[in-house]
Protein backbone atom coordinates (compact mmCIF):
# COMPACT_ATOMS: atom_id res chain seq x y z
CA UNK A 1 15.44 -7.21 -22.76
CA UNK A 2 15.53 -7.89 -19.00
CA UNK A 3 16.50 -11.35 -18.00
CA UNK A 4 13.27 -11.93 -16.23
CA UNK A 5 11.51 -11.93 -19.59
CA UNK A 6 13.23 -15.00 -20.55
CA UNK A 7 13.69 -18.45 -19.48
CA UNK A 8 13.27 -19.34 -15.73
CA UNK A 9 16.59 -18.60 -13.99
CA UNK A 10 16.55 -20.23 -10.75
CA UNK A 11 16.62 -17.09 -8.61
CA UNK A 12 16.62 -17.33 -4.99
CA UNK A 13 13.84 -15.28 -3.17
CA UNK A 14 11.96 -15.13 0.14
CA UNK A 15 8.39 -15.05 0.95
CA UNK A 16 6.26 -14.46 4.15
CA UNK A 17 2.89 -13.36 5.34
CA UNK A 18 0.78 -13.03 8.37
CA UNK A 19 -1.79 -15.45 9.43
CA UNK A 20 -4.76 -14.68 7.18
CA UNK A 21 -8.46 -14.71 7.78
CA UNK A 22 -10.58 -13.31 4.72
CA UNK A 23 -14.14 -13.25 3.86
CA UNK A 24 -17.29 -11.28 4.17
CA UNK A 25 -17.86 -10.91 7.99
CA UNK A 26 -14.21 -12.03 8.72
CA UNK A 27 -14.13 -9.06 11.09
CA UNK A 28 -16.35 -11.01 13.78
CA UNK A 29 -13.13 -13.10 14.42
CA UNK A 30 -11.13 -10.08 15.78
CA UNK A 31 -11.77 -10.62 19.35
CA UNK A 32 -10.95 -14.51 19.12
CA UNK A 33 -7.50 -13.57 18.02
CA UNK A 34 -6.85 -10.61 19.71
CA UNK A 35 -7.66 -12.11 23.42
CA UNK A 36 -4.71 -14.71 22.98
CA UNK A 37 -2.12 -11.87 22.81
CA UNK A 38 -3.25 -10.40 26.35
CA UNK A 39 -6.17 -8.33 28.01
CA UNK A 40 -5.29 -4.72 26.54
CA UNK A 41 -6.08 -3.83 22.81
CA UNK A 42 -4.87 -0.85 21.27
CA UNK A 43 -6.80 0.32 18.27
CA UNK A 44 -5.27 2.44 15.83
CA UNK A 45 -7.43 4.30 13.04
CA UNK A 46 -8.13 7.65 11.37
CA UNK A 47 -10.95 10.05 11.96
CA UNK A 48 -12.97 9.04 9.01
CA UNK A 49 -12.97 5.24 9.71
CA UNK A 50 -13.51 6.01 13.53
CA UNK A 51 -16.84 7.67 12.94
CA UNK A 52 -18.10 4.50 10.90
CA UNK A 53 -20.61 2.32 12.75
CA UNK A 54 -18.09 -0.77 11.95
CA UNK A 55 -15.45 0.91 13.93
CA UNK A 56 -17.80 0.99 17.14
CA UNK A 57 -18.81 -2.53 16.27
CA UNK A 58 -15.19 -3.80 16.45
CA UNK A 59 -14.59 -2.11 19.65
CA UNK A 60 -17.68 -3.49 21.18
CA UNK A 61 -16.53 -7.03 20.22
CA UNK A 62 -13.31 -6.65 21.66
CA UNK A 63 -14.86 -5.25 25.06
CA UNK A 64 -17.44 -8.17 25.00
CA UNK A 65 -14.53 -10.57 24.92
CA UNK A 66 -13.13 -9.11 28.06
CA UNK A 67 -10.43 -7.01 26.63
CA UNK A 68 -9.69 -3.50 27.82
CA UNK A 69 -9.67 -1.21 24.89
CA UNK A 70 -7.89 2.10 24.21
CA UNK A 71 -7.94 3.90 20.65
CA UNK A 72 -6.06 6.36 18.81
CA UNK A 73 -7.90 7.73 16.00
CA UNK A 74 -5.82 10.87 14.79
CA UNK A 75 -3.85 9.20 12.07
CA UNK A 76 -3.31 11.45 8.90
CA UNK A 77 -2.93 10.35 5.23
CA UNK A 78 0.88 9.94 4.55
CA UNK A 79 1.39 9.85 8.24
CA UNK A 80 4.35 12.26 9.40
CA UNK A 81 6.75 10.96 12.02
CA UNK A 82 5.15 12.93 14.91
CA UNK A 83 1.79 10.88 14.36
CA UNK A 84 3.71 7.92 14.80
CA UNK A 85 5.40 9.00 18.02
CA UNK A 86 2.42 10.29 19.58
CA UNK A 87 0.53 7.06 18.72
CA UNK A 88 3.15 4.93 20.27
CA UNK A 89 3.35 7.15 23.44
CA UNK A 90 -0.45 6.64 23.98
CA UNK A 91 -0.10 2.96 23.39
CA UNK A 92 2.87 2.70 25.87
CA UNK A 93 1.04 4.54 28.63
CA UNK A 94 -1.92 2.22 28.13
CA UNK A 95 0.32 -0.86 28.33
CA UNK A 96 -1.06 -2.44 24.96
CA UNK A 97 -0.66 -6.04 24.62
CA UNK A 98 -1.87 -6.12 21.01
CA UNK A 99 -1.94 -3.41 18.30
CA UNK A 100 -5.01 -3.47 16.21
CA UNK A 101 -4.99 -1.48 13.20
CA UNK A 102 -8.25 -0.52 11.25
CA UNK A 103 -8.34 1.64 8.25
CA UNK A 104 -6.37 2.44 4.93
CA UNK A 105 -2.65 1.93 4.46
CA UNK A 106 -1.93 4.84 6.71
CA UNK A 107 -3.44 3.70 9.66
CA UNK A 108 -2.02 0.21 9.30
CA UNK A 109 1.33 1.44 8.83
CA UNK A 110 1.25 3.62 11.90
CA UNK A 111 -0.06 0.56 13.98
CA UNK A 112 2.94 -1.64 12.54
CA UNK A 113 5.56 1.12 13.66
CA UNK A 114 3.98 1.92 16.98
CA UNK A 115 3.90 -1.74 17.84
CA UNK A 116 7.73 -1.91 17.48
CA UNK A 117 8.20 1.41 19.33
CA UNK A 118 6.13 -0.15 22.08
CA UNK A 119 8.89 -2.56 22.89
CA UNK A 120 12.07 -0.79 21.57
CA UNK A 121 13.09 2.94 22.46
CA UNK A 122 14.66 3.84 19.37
CA UNK A 123 14.32 6.87 16.92
CA UNK A 124 12.12 6.24 14.05
CA UNK A 125 14.82 7.66 11.63
CA UNK A 126 16.91 4.70 12.68
CA UNK A 127 14.73 2.31 11.00
CA UNK A 128 14.45 3.88 7.70
CA UNK A 129 15.65 1.40 4.98
CA UNK A 130 15.75 -2.20 4.83
CA UNK A 131 16.18 -4.39 8.00
CA UNK A 132 16.93 -1.51 10.19
CA UNK A 133 14.34 -2.44 12.89
CA UNK A 134 15.72 -3.67 16.33
CA UNK A 135 13.11 -6.50 16.75
CA UNK A 136 9.60 -7.51 16.82
CA UNK A 137 7.00 -5.43 18.63
CA UNK A 138 3.88 -6.14 20.25
CA UNK A 139 1.60 -8.40 18.53
CA UNK A 140 -0.40 -6.56 15.73
CA UNK A 141 -3.71 -7.62 13.92
CA UNK A 142 -4.67 -5.38 10.74
CA UNK A 143 -7.95 -4.92 9.18
CA UNK A 144 -7.89 -2.93 5.90
CA UNK A 145 -10.96 -0.74 5.02
CA UNK A 146 -9.78 0.05 1.64
CA UNK A 147 -8.66 -1.99 -1.33
CA UNK A 148 -5.22 -0.48 -2.14
CA UNK A 149 -2.05 -0.71 -0.48
CA UNK A 150 -2.11 -4.21 0.94
CA UNK A 151 -0.48 -3.18 3.94
CA UNK A 152 -2.09 -5.89 6.04
CA UNK A 153 0.36 -8.37 4.63
CA UNK A 154 3.55 -6.39 3.75
CA UNK A 155 6.59 -5.98 5.64
CA UNK A 156 6.70 -2.26 4.76
CA UNK A 157 5.65 0.99 6.28
CA UNK A 158 5.65 4.35 4.51
CA UNK A 159 6.04 7.69 6.42
CA UNK A 160 6.24 11.33 5.56
CA UNK A 161 9.43 12.80 6.59
CA UNK A 162 8.45 16.59 6.84
CA UNK A 163 11.97 17.78 7.12
CA UNK A 164 12.98 16.55 3.76
CA UNK A 165 9.55 16.92 2.21
CA UNK A 166 9.81 13.27 1.24
CA UNK A 167 7.90 9.89 1.93
CA UNK A 168 10.48 7.32 3.41
CA UNK A 169 10.02 3.59 3.99
CA UNK A 170 10.85 1.20 6.63
CA UNK A 171 11.38 -2.43 5.34
CA UNK A 172 11.54 -5.43 7.56
CA UNK A 173 9.93 -8.70 8.51
CA UNK A 174 9.51 -7.55 11.97
CA UNK A 175 6.54 -5.31 10.40
CA UNK A 176 4.70 -8.35 9.25
CA UNK A 177 1.40 -8.59 11.31
CA UNK A 178 0.27 -11.55 13.40
CA UNK A 179 -2.87 -11.78 11.71
CA UNK A 180 -4.30 -9.93 8.73
CA UNK A 181 -8.18 -10.05 8.80
CA UNK A 182 -9.62 -8.98 5.27
CA UNK A 183 -13.47 -8.33 5.43
CA UNK A 184 -14.56 -7.00 2.20
CA UNK A 185 -17.74 -5.66 4.01
CA UNK A 186 -15.63 -3.09 5.79
CA UNK A 187 -15.03 -1.49 2.23
CA UNK A 188 -18.79 -1.21 1.38
CA UNK A 189 -19.07 2.48 2.55
CA UNK A 190 -15.78 3.74 0.94
CA UNK A 191 -16.92 6.59 -1.43
CA UNK A 192 -15.94 6.34 -5.09
CA UNK A 193 -12.96 8.64 -5.39
CA UNK A 194 -10.90 6.87 -2.59
CA UNK A 195 -12.33 3.41 -3.94
CA UNK A 196 -10.77 4.46 -7.38
CA UNK A 197 -7.47 5.88 -6.44
CA UNK A 198 -6.71 3.05 -3.99
CA UNK A 199 -7.69 0.36 -6.67
CA UNK A 200 -5.05 2.14 -8.99
CA UNK A 201 -2.53 1.74 -6.29
CA UNK A 202 -3.28 -2.06 -6.16
CA UNK A 203 -3.03 -2.24 -9.91
CA UNK A 204 0.39 -0.20 -9.86
CA UNK A 205 1.71 -2.95 -7.40
CA UNK A 206 0.56 -5.79 -9.86
CA UNK A 207 2.09 -4.03 -12.95
CA UNK A 208 5.34 -3.09 -11.13
CA UNK A 209 5.85 -6.69 -9.58
CA UNK A 210 5.24 -8.37 -12.71
CA UNK A 211 7.78 -6.18 -14.89
CA UNK A 212 10.16 -6.08 -12.04
CA UNK A 213 13.92 -6.52 -12.63
CA UNK A 214 13.74 -9.09 -10.02
CA UNK A 215 10.52 -10.79 -10.68
CA UNK A 216 9.98 -14.35 -9.60
CA UNK A 217 7.13 -17.03 -11.04
CA UNK A 218 5.28 -17.23 -7.53
CA UNK A 219 4.99 -13.39 -7.49
CA UNK A 220 4.18 -13.41 -11.15
CA UNK A 221 1.11 -15.47 -10.43
CA UNK A 222 -0.13 -13.03 -7.64
CA UNK A 223 0.67 -9.94 -9.76
CA UNK A 224 -1.39 -11.24 -12.88
CA UNK A 225 -4.41 -12.47 -10.81
CA UNK A 226 -4.49 -8.94 -9.10
CA UNK A 227 -4.36 -7.24 -12.32
CA UNK A 228 -7.13 -9.44 -13.89
CA UNK A 229 -9.23 -8.77 -10.63
CA UNK A 230 -8.72 -4.80 -10.97
CA UNK A 231 -9.68 -4.87 -14.44
CA UNK A 232 -13.04 -6.71 -13.82
CA UNK A 233 -13.90 -5.33 -10.59
CA UNK A 234 -12.59 -1.74 -9.66
CA UNK A 235 -15.09 0.06 -12.05
CA UNK A 236 -17.97 -1.72 -10.58
CA UNK A 237 -16.97 -0.98 -7.22
CA UNK A 238 -16.67 2.69 -7.98
CA UNK A 239 -19.90 3.00 -9.77
CA UNK A 240 -21.82 0.80 -7.12
CA UNK A 241 -20.03 0.81 -3.95
CA UNK A 242 -22.40 -1.83 -2.39
CA UNK A 243 -21.63 -4.42 -5.40
CA UNK A 244 -20.45 -7.12 -2.79
CA UNK A 245 -18.64 -9.31 -5.39
CA UNK A 246 -16.86 -6.33 -6.77
CA UNK A 247 -15.74 -5.21 -3.38
CA UNK A 248 -14.56 -8.88 -2.65
CA UNK A 249 -12.81 -9.09 -5.77
CA UNK A 250 -10.87 -5.73 -5.02
CA UNK A 251 -10.22 -6.92 -1.53
CA UNK A 252 -8.53 -10.13 -3.06
CA UNK A 253 -6.67 -7.92 -5.59
CA UNK A 254 -5.33 -5.56 -2.86
CA UNK A 255 -4.02 -8.74 -0.79
CA UNK A 256 -2.46 -10.26 -3.59
CA UNK A 257 -0.64 -7.17 -4.74
CA UNK A 258 0.51 -6.58 -1.15
CA UNK A 259 1.90 -10.31 -1.17
CA UNK A 260 4.10 -9.23 -4.20
CA UNK A 261 5.77 -6.49 -1.96
CA UNK A 262 8.03 -8.71 0.20
CA UNK A 263 9.63 -10.70 -2.49
CA UNK A 264 9.78 -8.32 -5.29
CA UNK A 265 8.23 -4.87 -4.43
CA UNK A 266 7.58 -1.71 -6.50
CA UNK A 267 9.69 0.20 -8.81
CA UNK A 268 9.90 3.67 -10.71
CA UNK A 269 6.13 4.59 -10.36
CA UNK A 270 6.35 4.38 -6.48
CA UNK A 271 9.79 6.01 -6.38
CA UNK A 272 8.63 9.10 -8.45
CA UNK A 273 5.31 9.31 -6.59
CA UNK A 274 7.25 9.85 -2.97
CA UNK A 275 7.93 13.52 -3.70
CA UNK A 276 4.21 14.11 -4.80
CA UNK A 277 3.27 12.63 -1.32
CA UNK A 278 6.05 14.01 0.64
CA UNK A 279 6.02 17.82 -0.57
CA UNK A 280 2.57 18.25 -2.13
CA UNK A 281 0.61 15.78 0.07
CA UNK A 282 -1.01 14.13 -2.84
CA UNK A 283 -2.28 10.86 -1.60
CA UNK A 284 -0.65 7.67 -2.43
CA UNK A 285 -2.91 6.27 -4.79
CA UNK A 286 -3.53 9.39 -6.46
CA UNK A 287 0.19 9.83 -7.20
CA UNK A 288 0.54 6.46 -8.46
CA UNK A 289 -2.50 6.98 -10.85
CA UNK A 290 -0.84 10.01 -12.35
CA UNK A 291 2.58 8.66 -13.08
CA UNK A 292 1.71 4.82 -13.90
CA UNK A 293 0.89 5.19 -17.83
CA UNK A 294 3.85 7.70 -18.34
CA UNK A 295 6.31 5.28 -16.39
CA UNK A 296 4.85 2.26 -18.39
CA UNK A 297 5.63 4.26 -21.84
CA UNK A 298 9.18 4.76 -20.59
CA UNK A 299 9.70 1.24 -19.73
CA UNK A 300 7.92 -0.19 -22.77
CA UNK A 301 11.26 -0.85 -24.79
CA UNK A 302 12.50 -3.35 -22.28
CA UNK A 303 9.27 -4.65 -20.79
CA UNK A 304 6.92 -5.15 -23.73
CA UNK A 305 6.66 -8.83 -23.58
CA UNK A 306 5.61 -8.58 -19.98
CA UNK A 307 3.36 -5.68 -20.64
CA UNK A 308 1.69 -7.82 -23.36
CA UNK A 309 0.85 -10.62 -20.74
CA UNK A 310 -0.84 -8.10 -18.53
CA UNK A 311 -2.66 -6.55 -21.34
CA UNK A 312 -4.15 -9.93 -22.13
CA UNK A 313 -5.05 -10.39 -18.35
CA UNK A 314 -6.88 -7.01 -18.51
CA UNK A 315 -8.54 -8.07 -21.74
CA UNK A 316 -6.82 -5.60 -23.92
CA UNK A 317 -4.15 -5.89 -26.56
CA UNK A 318 -2.31 -2.97 -25.27
CA UNK A 319 -1.31 -2.48 -21.73
CA UNK A 320 -0.95 1.24 -21.55
CA UNK A 321 -4.53 1.39 -23.33
CA UNK A 322 -5.85 -0.95 -20.65
CA UNK A 323 -4.52 1.52 -17.82
CA UNK A 324 -5.77 4.52 -19.44
CA UNK A 325 -9.06 3.26 -20.25
CA UNK A 326 -9.82 2.02 -16.68
CA UNK A 327 -8.40 5.29 -15.10
CA UNK A 328 -10.72 7.36 -17.44
CA UNK A 329 -13.85 4.96 -16.38
CA UNK A 330 -13.06 5.63 -12.72
CA UNK A 331 -12.04 9.19 -12.83
CA UNK A 332 -8.32 9.07 -12.05
CA UNK A 333 -7.07 10.30 -15.24
CA UNK A 334 -5.88 13.49 -14.05
CA UNK A 335 -2.57 15.76 -14.46
CA UNK A 336 -0.32 16.67 -11.72
CA UNK A 337 -0.91 20.55 -12.23
CA UNK A 338 -4.38 19.77 -10.91
CA UNK A 339 -2.96 18.97 -7.49
CA UNK A 340 -1.05 22.12 -6.87
CA UNK A 341 2.28 20.98 -8.66
CA UNK A 342 3.70 23.92 -10.69
CA UNK A 343 6.12 23.08 -13.53
CA UNK A 344 8.86 24.97 -11.76
CA UNK A 345 8.80 22.25 -8.99
CA UNK A 346 9.54 19.51 -11.43
CA UNK A 347 13.44 19.48 -11.31
CA UNK A 348 13.79 19.44 -7.56
CA UNK A 349 11.16 16.63 -7.51
CA UNK A 350 13.25 14.61 -9.99
CA UNK A 351 16.51 14.98 -7.80
CA UNK A 352 14.22 14.04 -4.75
CA UNK A 353 13.20 10.94 -6.60
CA UNK A 354 16.73 9.86 -7.23
CA UNK A 355 16.95 9.16 -3.68
CA UNK A 356 14.44 6.35 -3.61
CA UNK A 357 17.18 3.83 -5.22
CA UNK A 358 15.43 1.10 -2.96
CA UNK A 359 12.71 1.11 -5.44
CA UNK A 360 14.46 2.50 -8.67
CA UNK A 361 16.99 -0.37 -8.92
CA UNK A 362 13.90 -2.64 -9.31
CA UNK A 363 12.74 -0.71 -12.44
CA UNK A 364 12.99 -2.84 -15.81
CA UNK A 365 14.73 0.32 -17.20
CA UNK A 366 17.29 2.50 -15.53
CA UNK A 367 15.96 5.77 -14.67
CA UNK A 368 18.11 8.89 -14.42
CA UNK A 369 17.34 12.36 -13.07
CA UNK A 370 16.76 13.58 -16.82
CA UNK A 371 14.67 10.60 -17.29
CA UNK A 372 12.38 11.42 -14.05
CA UNK A 373 11.96 14.95 -15.11
CA UNK A 374 10.82 13.97 -18.69
CA UNK A 375 8.45 11.54 -16.99
CA UNK A 376 7.26 14.48 -14.78
CA UNK A 377 6.96 16.75 -17.56
CA UNK A 378 4.53 14.22 -19.37
CA UNK A 379 2.44 13.72 -16.35
CA UNK A 380 2.26 17.55 -15.42
């Protein structure tokens, strides 16, 4: 049994977050905050979000406040390094005073890294890992349009390293945004499938934080509330995207899940998901959903007590059953082979996952390469 399951051990931990504005219509405060940072706002997004009326509304609000606005809307899911480099190049040419990220985790992560590259001429590769960034970038304001990664409040950005077919993380307090503006109304038009998969990502954050080898009491509270909210709101948001109460609950759950990541971070589910995203381009939330119940079964011998608490928060007696039931309800109960993964690829994926020790070290049970292969086989 890992030591976080027992009595409080007085562990030292850190916590930080951006200034936060949350609520229905919170996006209307964007221009008021952006104008304090200068006169040139550079807005980063993806093609889908950029086509929404709300994106044009945000741009008009900035322009009406007297700011010059330029946009970069070519962000791809699990963004490769070349996208970040291109975004930073355009932002530097514009002379951006403030970066505004609007979208899912990919767009927000690109905005964070591009903000640093605006002030520091360094290779992106030099920043991979923990505390390798050269300093803060231009100010950033982040507005999520999904309820999943919680990237608006995390000191983390995850990019695709195409040369190594692996997703890699940059972790630094320099990535914390100046403002996170969380407006659940921006999620009202999100289709059912991405609503489901990003919501399962939020649940994964909560479960991996609560059962983490380095769990701490403050984060425990965030994680349990996030799990409770996902259990009560995700299916409603999937089945009726205009359910404002469910969208609010999921936006709050995503925010709380994101707040777990600075002090505690994730563990084996995310580590094993990286090769799925890096090589097979399986979206992040999809990859986590595919792996979550199988990793939980692997961890159960050392995390049973904490899984029981999560199960209670989700309204079940068994935590794996709670996760699988929700996954079936929202349509994320899939197998890896449905996403182009062939069984012959599993051993090399297990080997690649072992490189993500930054996350594997947090898992309540040690994961060896044979363990990773067995988990992949069960999820295949």
